[in-house]
Amino acid sequence: MPIDKLLLTAEEAAESLGVGRSTVYDLMRLGHLSSVKIGRARRIPVAALRRFARQLAGEDQA
């Protein structure tokens, strides 16, 4: 049984959001998108990506 990914690369997160990889890095740098560091690699938790998308949806409704 396959295990769903819990952490995404910047490329995977960018694809999910429909933005470029550099935009994902900017969002992380500005503190809008949470990430974790594993060794030298940065990963974005799927939960953080969903939370960010919900926040964006909330801003559209306001």
PDB file of N, CA and C in Angstrom:
ATOM      1  N   MET A   1       0.850  -1.174   0.000  1.00  0.00           N
ATOM      2  CA  MET A   1       0.000   0.000   0.000  1.00  0.00           C
ATOM      3  C   MET A   1       0.899   1.242   0.000  1.00  0.00           C
ATOM      4  N   PRO A   2       0.732   2.131  -0.999  1.00  0.00           N
ATOM      5  CA  PRO A   2       1.583   3.322  -1.067  1.00  0.00           C
ATOM      6  C   PRO A   2       1.257   4.315   0.043  1.00  0.00           C
ATOM      7  N   ILE A   3       2.288   5.007   0.507  1.00  0.00           N
ATOM      8  CA  ILE A   3       2.130   6.027   1.540  1.00  0.00           C
ATOM      9  C   ILE A   3       2.090   7.389   0.851  1.00  0.00           C
ATOM     10  N   ASP A   4       1.088   8.193   1.186  1.00  0.00           N
ATOM     11  CA  ASP A   4       1.008   9.542   0.624  1.00  0.00           C
ATOM     12  C   ASP A   4       2.162  10.377   1.159  1.00  0.00           C
ATOM     13  N   LYS A   5       2.675  11.257   0.314  1.00  0.00           N
ATOM     14  CA  LYS A   5       3.774  12.129   0.722  1.00  0.00           C
ATOM     15  C   LYS A   5       3.312  13.103   1.791  1.00  0.00           C
ATOM     16  N   LEU A   6       4.151  13.330   2.774  1.00  0.00           N
ATOM     17  CA  LEU A   6       3.891  14.319   3.818  1.00  0.00           C
ATOM     18  C   LEU A   6       4.663  15.607   3.566  1.00  0.00           C
ATOM     19  N   LEU A   7       5.776  15.482   2.845  1.00  0.00           N
ATOM     20  CA  LEU A   7       6.644  16.627   2.558  1.00  0.00           C
ATOM     21  C   LEU A   7       6.860  16.733   1.054  1.00  0.00           C
ATOM     22  N   LEU A   8       6.850  17.961   0.554  1.00  0.00           N
ATOM     23  CA  LEU A   8       7.024  18.200  -0.875  1.00  0.00           C
ATOM     24  C   LEU A   8       8.271  19.034  -1.135  1.00  0.00           C
ATOM     25  N   THR A   9       8.852  18.844  -2.304  1.00  0.00           N
ATOM     26  CA  THR A   9       9.939  19.711  -2.741  1.00  0.00           C
ATOM     27  C   THR A   9       9.335  21.046  -3.177  1.00  0.00           C
ATOM     28  N   ALA A  10      10.180  22.039  -3.372  1.00  0.00           N
ATOM     29  CA  ALA A  10       9.699  23.337  -3.856  1.00  0.00           C
ATOM     30  C   ALA A  10       9.039  23.187  -5.223  1.00  0.00           C
ATOM     31  N   GLU A  11       9.597  22.324  -6.063  1.00  0.00           N
ATOM     32  CA  GLU A  11       9.016  22.102  -7.388  1.00  0.00           C
ATOM     33  C   GLU A  11       7.621  21.500  -7.290  1.00  0.00           C
ATOM     34  N   GLU A  12       7.463  20.510  -6.404  1.00  0.00           N
ATOM     35  CA  GLU A  12       6.159  19.873  -6.228  1.00  0.00           C
ATOM     36  C   GLU A  12       5.139  20.849  -5.650  1.00  0.00           C
ATOM     37  N   ALA A  13       5.567  21.659  -4.690  1.00  0.00           N
ATOM     38  CA  ALA A  13       4.671  22.658  -4.099  1.00  0.00           C
ATOM     39  C   ALA A  13       4.280  23.696  -5.144  1.00  0.00           C
ATOM     40  N   ALA A  14       5.236  24.124  -5.950  1.00  0.00           N
ATOM     41  CA  ALA A  14       4.956  25.102  -7.000  1.00  0.00           C
ATOM     42  C   ALA A  14       3.936  24.556  -7.992  1.00  0.00           C
ATOM     43  N   GLU A  15       4.115  23.311  -8.375  1.00  0.00           N
ATOM     44  CA  GLU A  15       3.177  22.681  -9.305  1.00  0.00           C
ATOM     45  C   GLU A  15       1.778  22.611  -8.697  1.00  0.00           C
ATOM     46  N   SER A  16       1.698  22.277  -7.424  1.00  0.00           N
ATOM     47  CA  SER A  16       0.405  22.192  -6.740  1.00  0.00           C
ATOM     48  C   SER A  16      -0.289  23.544  -6.675  1.00  0.00           C
ATOM     49  N   LEU A  17       0.493  24.610  -6.477  1.00  0.00           N
ATOM     50  CA  LEU A  17      -0.073  25.957  -6.364  1.00  0.00           C
ATOM     51  C   LEU A  17      -0.254  26.643  -7.715  1.00  0.00           C
ATOM     52  N   GLY A  18       0.386  26.099  -8.738  1.00  0.00           N
ATOM     53  CA  GLY A  18       0.307  26.723 -10.059  1.00  0.00           C
ATOM     54  C   GLY A  18       1.169  27.970 -10.174  1.00  0.00           C
ATOM     55  N   VAL A  19       2.295  27.965  -9.460  1.00  0.00           N
ATOM     56  CA  VAL A  19       3.240  29.085  -9.502  1.00  0.00           C
ATOM     57  C   VAL A  19       4.632  28.541  -9.806  1.00  0.00           C
ATOM     58  N   GLY A  20       5.579  29.431  -9.962  1.00  0.00           N
ATOM     59  CA  GLY A  20       6.952  29.023 -10.206  1.00  0.00           C
ATOM     60  C   GLY A  20       7.680  28.659  -8.919  1.00  0.00           C
ATOM     61  N   ARG A  21       8.772  27.935  -9.072  1.00  0.00           N
ATOM     62  CA  ARG A  21       9.572  27.511  -7.924  1.00  0.00           C
ATOM     63  C   ARG A  21      10.113  28.702  -7.141  1.00  0.00           C
ATOM     64  N   SER A  22      10.528  29.753  -7.843  1.00  0.00           N
ATOM     65  CA  SER A  22      11.064  30.924  -7.147  1.00  0.00           C
ATOM     66  C   SER A  22       9.993  31.601  -6.297  1.00  0.00           C
ATOM     67  N   THR A  23       8.743  31.543  -6.727  1.00  0.00           N
ATOM     68  CA  THR A  23       7.646  32.096  -5.928  1.00  0.00           C
ATOM     69  C   THR A  23       7.501  31.321  -4.627  1.00  0.00           C
ATOM     70  N   VAL A  24       7.640  30.003  -4.685  1.00  0.00           N
ATOM     71  CA  VAL A  24       7.559  29.179  -3.476  1.00  0.00           C
ATOM     72  C   VAL A  24       8.688  29.556  -2.523  1.00  0.00           C
ATOM     73  N   TYR A  25       9.899  29.732  -3.046  1.00  0.00           N
ATOM     74  CA  TYR A  25      11.018  30.138  -2.192  1.00  0.00           C
ATOM     75  C   TYR A  25      10.766  31.516  -1.580  1.00  0.00           C
ATOM     76  N   ASP A  26      10.186  32.429  -2.354  1.00  0.00           N
ATOM     77  CA  ASP A  26       9.846  33.757  -1.816  1.00  0.00           C
ATOM     78  C   ASP A  26       8.817  33.641  -0.700  1.00  0.00           C
ATOM     79  N   LEU A  27       7.793  32.814  -0.891  1.00  0.00           N
ATOM     80  CA  LEU A  27       6.759  32.620   0.133  1.00  0.00           C
ATOM     81  C   LEU A  27       7.362  32.053   1.418  1.00  0.00           C
ATOM     82  N   MET A  28       8.309  31.126   1.277  1.00  0.00           N
ATOM     83  CA  MET A  28       8.974  30.568   2.454  1.00  0.00           C
ATOM     84  C   MET A  28       9.820  31.639   3.144  1.00  0.00           C
ATOM     85  N   ARG A  29      10.565  32.406   2.353  1.00  0.00           N
ATOM     86  CA  ARG A  29      11.450  33.436   2.906  1.00  0.00           C
ATOM     87  C   ARG A  29      10.660  34.507   3.655  1.00  0.00           C
ATOM     88  N   LEU A  30       9.487  34.844   3.145  1.00  0.00           N
ATOM     89  CA  LEU A  30       8.648  35.870   3.767  1.00  0.00           C
ATOM     90  C   LEU A  30       7.816  35.339   4.931  1.00  0.00           C
ATOM     91  N   GLY A  31       7.854  34.027   5.146  1.00  0.00           N
ATOM     92  CA  GLY A  31       7.119  33.436   6.258  1.00  0.00           C
ATOM     93  C   GLY A  31       5.665  33.122   5.958  1.00  0.00           C
ATOM     94  N   HIS A  32       5.275  33.201   4.685  1.00  0.00           N
ATOM     95  CA  HIS A  32       3.891  32.904   4.304  1.00  0.00           C
ATOM     96  C   HIS A  32       3.645  31.406   4.135  1.00  0.00           C
ATOM     97  N   LEU A  33       4.707  30.667   3.885  1.00  0.00           N
ATOM     98  CA  LEU A  33       4.606  29.225   3.672  1.00  0.00           C
ATOM     99  C   LEU A  33       5.651  28.542   4.548  1.00  0.00           C
ATOM    100  N   SER A  34       5.188  27.689   5.443  1.00  0.00           N
ATOM    101  CA  SER A  34       6.093  26.994   6.369  1.00  0.00           C
ATOM    102  C   SER A  34       6.891  25.926   5.636  1.00  0.00           C
ATOM    103  N   SER A  35       8.097  25.699   6.129  1.00  0.00           N
ATOM    104  CA  SER A  35       8.933  24.641   5.573  1.00  0.00           C
ATOM    105  C   SER A  35       9.781  24.052   6.688  1.00  0.00           C
ATOM    106  N   VAL A  36      10.345  22.896   6.405  1.00  0.00           N
ATOM    107  CA  VAL A  36      11.248  22.241   7.345  1.00  0.00           C
ATOM    108  C   VAL A  36      12.551  21.962   6.618  1.00  0.00           C
ATOM    109  N   LYS A  37      13.623  21.881   7.380  1.00  0.00           N
ATOM    110  CA  LYS A  37      14.925  21.585   6.798  1.00  0.00           C
ATOM    111  C   LYS A  37      15.323  20.180   7.211  1.00  0.00           C
ATOM    112  N   ILE A  38      15.672  19.377   6.226  1.00  0.00           N
ATOM    113  CA  ILE A  38      16.154  18.015   6.459  1.00  0.00           C
ATOM    114  C   ILE A  38      17.540  17.948   5.828  1.00  0.00           C
ATOM    115  N   GLY A  39      18.546  17.950   6.668  1.00  0.00           N
ATOM    116  CA  GLY A  39      19.909  18.046   6.147  1.00  0.00           C
ATOM    117  C   GLY A  39      20.070  19.398   5.482  1.00  0.00           C
ATOM    118  N   ARG A  40      20.432  19.389   4.208  1.00  0.00           N
ATOM    119  CA  ARG A  40      20.572  20.637   3.454  1.00  0.00           C
ATOM    120  C   ARG A  40      19.327  20.958   2.643  1.00  0.00           C
ATOM    121  N   ALA A  41      18.359  20.042   2.638  1.00  0.00           N
ATOM    122  CA  ALA A  41      17.170  20.203   1.799  1.00  0.00           C
ATOM    123  C   ALA A  41      16.025  20.878   2.546  1.00  0.00           C
ATOM    124  N   ARG A  42      15.284  21.719   1.856  1.00  0.00           N
ATOM    125  CA  ARG A  42      14.065  22.352   2.366  1.00  0.00           C
ATOM    126  C   ARG A  42      12.876  21.574   1.819  1.00  0.00           C
ATOM    127  N   ARG A  43      11.924  21.293   2.692  1.00  0.00           N
ATOM    128  CA  ARG A  43      10.701  20.600   2.281  1.00  0.00           C
ATOM    129  C   ARG A  43       9.496  21.340   2.839  1.00  0.00           C
ATOM    130  N   ILE A  44       8.393  21.281   2.107  1.00  0.00           N
ATOM    131  CA  ILE A  44       7.161  21.948   2.515  1.00  0.00           C
ATOM    132  C   ILE A  44       6.167  20.879   2.943  1.00  0.00           C
ATOM    133  N   PRO A  45       5.719  20.924   4.200  1.00  0.00           N
ATOM    134  CA  PRO A  45       4.710  19.959   4.635  1.00  0.00           C
ATOM    135  C   PRO A  45       3.410  20.170   3.854  1.00  0.00           C
ATOM    136  N   VAL A  46       2.772  19.077   3.470  1.00  0.00           N
ATOM    137  CA  VAL A  46       1.503  19.150   2.746  1.00  0.00           C
ATOM    138  C   VAL A  46       0.490  19.952   3.561  1.00  0.00           C
ATOM    139  N   ALA A  47       0.489  19.760   4.880  1.00  0.00           N
ATOM    140  CA  ALA A  47      -0.443  20.495   5.746  1.00  0.00           C
ATOM    141  C   ALA A  47      -0.215  22.003   5.637  1.00  0.00           C
ATOM    142  N   ALA A  48       1.033  22.441   5.525  1.00  0.00           N
ATOM    143  CA  ALA A  48       1.340  23.869   5.393  1.00  0.00           C
ATOM    144  C   ALA A  48       0.845  24.403   4.057  1.00  0.00           C
ATOM    145  N   LEU A  49       0.967  23.594   3.016  1.00  0.00           N
ATOM    146  CA  LEU A  49       0.496  23.991   1.694  1.00  0.00           C
ATOM    147  C   LEU A  49      -1.027  24.149   1.697  1.00  0.00           C
ATOM    148  N   ARG A  50      -1.714  23.224   2.335  1.00  0.00           N
ATOM    149  CA  ARG A  50      -3.180  23.307   2.429  1.00  0.00           C
ATOM    150  C   ARG A  50      -3.609  24.522   3.250  1.00  0.00           C
ATOM    151  N   ARG A  51      -2.905  24.772   4.358  1.00  0.00           N
ATOM    152  CA  ARG A  51      -3.208  25.923   5.209  1.00  0.00           C
ATOM    153  C   ARG A  51      -3.030  27.223   4.419  1.00  0.00           C
ATOM    154  N   PHE A  52      -1.946  27.317   3.655  1.00  0.00           N
ATOM    155  CA  PHE A  52      -1.683  28.498   2.839  1.00  0.00           C
ATOM    156  C   PHE A  52      -2.792  28.695   1.809  1.00  0.00           C
ATOM    157  N   ALA A  53      -3.210  27.626   1.150  1.00  0.00           N
ATOM    158  CA  ALA A  53      -4.280  27.716   0.148  1.00  0.00           C
ATOM    159  C   ALA A  53      -5.591  28.162   0.788  1.00  0.00           C
ATOM    160  N   ARG A  54      -5.895  27.664   1.989  1.00  0.00           N
ATOM    161  CA  ARG A  54      -7.115  28.088   2.694  1.00  0.00           C
ATOM    162  C   ARG A  54      -7.051  29.574   3.035  1.00  0.00           C
ATOM    163  N   GLN A  55      -5.875  30.037   3.449  1.00  0.00           N
ATOM    164  CA  GLN A  55      -5.710  31.463   3.762  1.00  0.00           C
ATOM    165  C   GLN A  55      -5.941  32.315   2.517  1.00  0.00           C
ATOM    166  N   LEU A  56      -5.434  31.864   1.382  1.00  0.00           N
ATOM    167  CA  LEU A  56      -5.651  32.597   0.135  1.00  0.00           C
ATOM    168  C   LEU A  56      -7.131  32.637  -0.216  1.00  0.00           C
ATOM    169  N   ALA A  57      -7.806  31.516  -0.048  1.00  0.00           N
ATOM    170  CA  ALA A  57      -9.237  31.451  -0.346  1.00  0.00           C
ATOM    171  C   ALA A  57     -10.012  32.381   0.579  1.00  0.00           C
ATOM    172  N   GLY A  58      -9.601  32.476   1.829  1.00  0.00           N
ATOM    173  CA  GLY A  58     -10.246  33.366   2.788  1.00  0.00           C
ATOM    174  C   GLY A  58     -10.068  34.826   2.421  1.00  0.00           C
ATOM    175  N   GLU A  59      -8.898  35.182   1.889  1.00  0.00           N
ATOM    176  CA  GLU A  59      -8.644  36.559   1.472  1.00  0.00           C
ATOM    177  C   GLU A  59      -9.518  36.937   0.288  1.00  0.00           C
ATOM    178  N   ASP A  60      -9.778  35.973  -0.606  1.00  0.00           N
ATOM    179  CA  ASP A  60     -10.619  36.238  -1.770  1.00  0.00           C
ATOM    180  C   ASP A  60     -12.052  36.536  -1.358  1.00  0.00           C
ATOM    181  N   GLN A  61     -12.506  35.932  -0.258  1.00  0.00           N
ATOM    182  CA  GLN A  61     -13.880  36.112   0.191  1.00  0.00           C
ATOM    183  C   GLN A  61     -14.058  37.408   0.972  1.00  0.00           C
ATOM    184  N   ALA A  62     -12.971  37.948   1.493  1.00  0.00           N
ATOM    185  CA  ALA A  62     -13.062  39.171   2.325  1.00  0.00           C
ATOM    186  C   ALA A  62     -13.241  40.416   1.478  1.00  0.00           C
TER     187      ALA A  62
END
